Amino acid sequence: MSIVKTPMVKIGNSRGIRIPKVLIDQVGLGDEVEISVQRDRLIIRPTARPRYGWNAQFRAMASRGDDHLLDEPVATRWDESDWQW
């Protein structure tokens, strides 16, 4: 876990912090974030979470029997000559 101390800066009646680039890159923060409170902590997350909710959608598809391939698999020359188990 990375721990960095940074000062609070006054912005009108609010306060702000500067998040170091190394932490922004590590978490993948963009131009907008979600901030929530959990006990005595502020949780800052990126708003765009790729594939968020996919597991639930896959489970729903499987429960409906809707998780099969649309096209039949087609063997290629590579499959027949180069593929090794």
C-alpha atoms as a PDB file:
ATOM      1  CA  MET A   1       0.000   0.000   0.000  1.00  0.00           C
ATOM      2  CA  SER A   2       1.321   3.443  -0.909  1.00  0.00           C
ATOM      3  CA  ILE A   3       1.000   6.095   1.780  1.00  0.00           C
ATOM      4  CA  VAL A   4       1.683   9.715   0.857  1.00  0.00           C
ATOM      5  CA  LYS A   5       1.131  12.783   3.040  1.00  0.00           C
ATOM      6  CA  THR A   6      -0.234  15.836   1.269  1.00  0.00           C
ATOM      7  CA  PRO A   7      -1.561  19.149   2.623  1.00  0.00           C
ATOM      8  CA  MET A   8      -5.216  20.184   2.508  1.00  0.00           C
ATOM      9  CA  VAL A   9      -5.671  23.360   0.458  1.00  0.00           C
ATOM     10  CA  LYS A  10      -8.499  25.842   0.924  1.00  0.00           C
ATOM     11  CA  ILE A  11     -10.813  26.220  -2.085  1.00  0.00           C
ATOM     12  CA  GLY A  12     -13.519  28.725  -1.133  1.00  0.00           C
ATOM     13  CA  ASN A  13     -15.485  27.144   1.716  1.00  0.00           C
ATOM     14  CA  SER A  14     -14.237  23.683   0.744  1.00  0.00           C
ATOM     15  CA  ARG A  15     -10.918  21.902   1.007  1.00  0.00           C
ATOM     16  CA  GLY A  16      -9.001  19.968  -1.587  1.00  0.00           C
ATOM     17  CA  ILE A  17      -5.999  17.719  -1.878  1.00  0.00           C
ATOM     18  CA  ARG A  18      -3.462  17.223  -4.627  1.00  0.00           C
ATOM     19  CA  ILE A  19      -3.121  13.560  -5.543  1.00  0.00           C
ATOM     20  CA  PRO A  20       0.412  12.675  -6.686  1.00  0.00           C
ATOM     21  CA  LYS A  21       0.713  11.411 -10.269  1.00  0.00           C
ATOM     22  CA  VAL A  22       2.187   8.099  -9.154  1.00  0.00           C
ATOM     23  CA  LEU A  23      -1.017   7.341  -7.203  1.00  0.00           C
ATOM     24  CA  ILE A  24      -3.270   8.541 -10.035  1.00  0.00           C
ATOM     25  CA  ASP A  25      -1.464   6.226 -12.455  1.00  0.00           C
ATOM     26  CA  GLN A  26      -1.460   3.334 -10.002  1.00  0.00           C
ATOM     27  CA  VAL A  27      -5.242   3.480  -9.537  1.00  0.00           C
ATOM     28  CA  GLY A  28      -6.160   4.704 -13.024  1.00  0.00           C
ATOM     29  CA  LEU A  29      -8.017   7.850 -12.000  1.00  0.00           C
ATOM     30  CA  GLY A  30      -9.411   9.989 -14.803  1.00  0.00           C
ATOM     31  CA  ASP A  31     -10.961  13.459 -14.862  1.00  0.00           C
ATOM     32  CA  GLU A  32     -13.891  12.425 -12.662  1.00  0.00           C
ATOM     33  CA  VAL A  33     -13.932  10.269  -9.524  1.00  0.00           C
ATOM     34  CA  GLU A  34     -16.431   8.800  -7.077  1.00  0.00           C
ATOM     35  CA  ILE A  35     -15.887   9.714  -3.421  1.00  0.00           C
ATOM     36  CA  SER A  36     -17.544   7.798  -0.598  1.00  0.00           C
ATOM     37  CA  VAL A  37     -17.146   7.578   3.172  1.00  0.00           C
ATOM     38  CA  GLN A  38     -16.482   4.272   4.926  1.00  0.00           C
ATOM     39  CA  ARG A  39     -16.147   4.649   8.671  1.00  0.00           C
ATOM     40  CA  ASP A  40     -13.347   7.203   9.118  1.00  0.00           C
ATOM     41  CA  ARG A  41     -12.010   6.988   5.540  1.00  0.00           C
ATOM     42  CA  LEU A  42     -12.655   8.707   2.238  1.00  0.00           C
ATOM     43  CA  ILE A  43     -12.666   6.232  -0.647  1.00  0.00           C
ATOM     44  CA  ILE A  44     -11.761   7.726  -4.043  1.00  0.00           C
ATOM     45  CA  ARG A  45     -12.418   5.539  -7.102  1.00  0.00           C
ATOM     46  CA  PRO A  46     -12.400   6.011 -10.842  1.00  0.00           C
ATOM     47  CA  THR A  47     -15.932   6.464 -12.213  1.00  0.00           C
ATOM     48  CA  ALA A  48     -15.364   4.265 -15.234  1.00  0.00           C
ATOM     49  CA  ARG A  49     -14.977   0.672 -14.087  1.00  0.00           C
ATOM     50  CA  PRO A  50     -14.420  -1.535 -17.118  1.00  0.00           C
ATOM     51  CA  ARG A  51     -16.532  -4.688 -17.078  1.00  0.00           C
ATOM     52  CA  TYR A  52     -18.367  -3.610 -13.919  1.00  0.00           C
ATOM     53  CA  GLY A  53     -21.374  -5.878 -13.452  1.00  0.00           C
ATOM     54  CA  TRP A  54     -20.305  -8.428 -16.059  1.00  0.00           C
ATOM     55  CA  ASN A  55     -20.246 -11.323 -13.559  1.00  0.00           C
ATOM     56  CA  ALA A  56     -23.882 -10.759 -12.647  1.00  0.00           C
ATOM     57  CA  GLN A  57     -24.831 -10.524 -16.320  1.00  0.00           C
ATOM     58  CA  PHE A  58     -22.965 -13.754 -17.144  1.00  0.00           C
ATOM     59  CA  ARG A  59     -24.747 -15.553 -14.276  1.00  0.00           C
ATOM     60  CA  ALA A  60     -28.104 -14.272 -15.539  1.00  0.00           C
ATOM     61  CA  MET A  61     -27.296 -15.454 -19.075  1.00  0.00           C
ATOM     62  CA  ALA A  62     -26.307 -18.901 -17.786  1.00  0.00           C
ATOM     63  CA  SER A  63     -29.505 -19.202 -15.731  1.00  0.00           C
ATOM     64  CA  ARG A  64     -31.533 -18.478 -18.902  1.00  0.00           C
ATOM     65  CA  GLY A  65     -29.440 -20.893 -20.988  1.00  0.00           C
ATOM     66  CA  ASP A  66     -28.380 -17.945 -23.117  1.00  0.00           C
ATOM     67  CA  ASP A  67     -24.617 -18.456 -22.781  1.00  0.00           C
ATOM     68  CA  HIS A  68     -23.877 -20.508 -25.877  1.00  0.00           C
ATOM     69  CA  LEU A  69     -21.912 -19.612 -29.007  1.00  0.00           C
ATOM     70  CA  LEU A  70     -23.918 -18.026 -31.800  1.00  0.00           C
ATOM     71  CA  ASP A  71     -21.778 -19.576 -34.543  1.00  0.00           C
ATOM     72  CA  GLU A  72     -20.474 -23.114 -34.779  1.00  0.00           C
ATOM     73  CA  PRO A  73     -16.694 -23.382 -34.257  1.00  0.00           C
ATOM     74  CA  VAL A  74     -14.773 -23.668 -37.530  1.00  0.00           C
ATOM     75  CA  ALA A  75     -11.403 -25.429 -37.556  1.00  0.00           C
ATOM     76  CA  THR A  76      -8.624 -23.612 -39.395  1.00  0.00           C
ATOM     77  CA  ARG A  77      -5.399 -24.881 -40.931  1.00  0.00           C
ATOM     78  CA  TRP A  78      -3.578 -23.594 -37.858  1.00  0.00           C
ATOM     79  CA  ASP A  79      -5.897 -25.602 -35.585  1.00  0.00           C
ATOM     80  CA  GLU A  80      -5.207 -28.780 -37.537  1.00  0.00           C
ATOM     81  CA  SER A  81      -1.437 -28.442 -38.070  1.00  0.00           C
ATOM     82  CA  ASP A  82       0.123 -26.036 -35.542  1.00  0.00           C
ATOM     83  CA  TRP A  83      -1.974 -26.303 -32.376  1.00  0.00           C
ATOM     84  CA  GLN A  84      -0.372 -28.480 -29.702  1.00  0.00           C
ATOM     85  CA  TRP A  85      -2.085 -29.748 -26.576  1.00  0.00           C
END
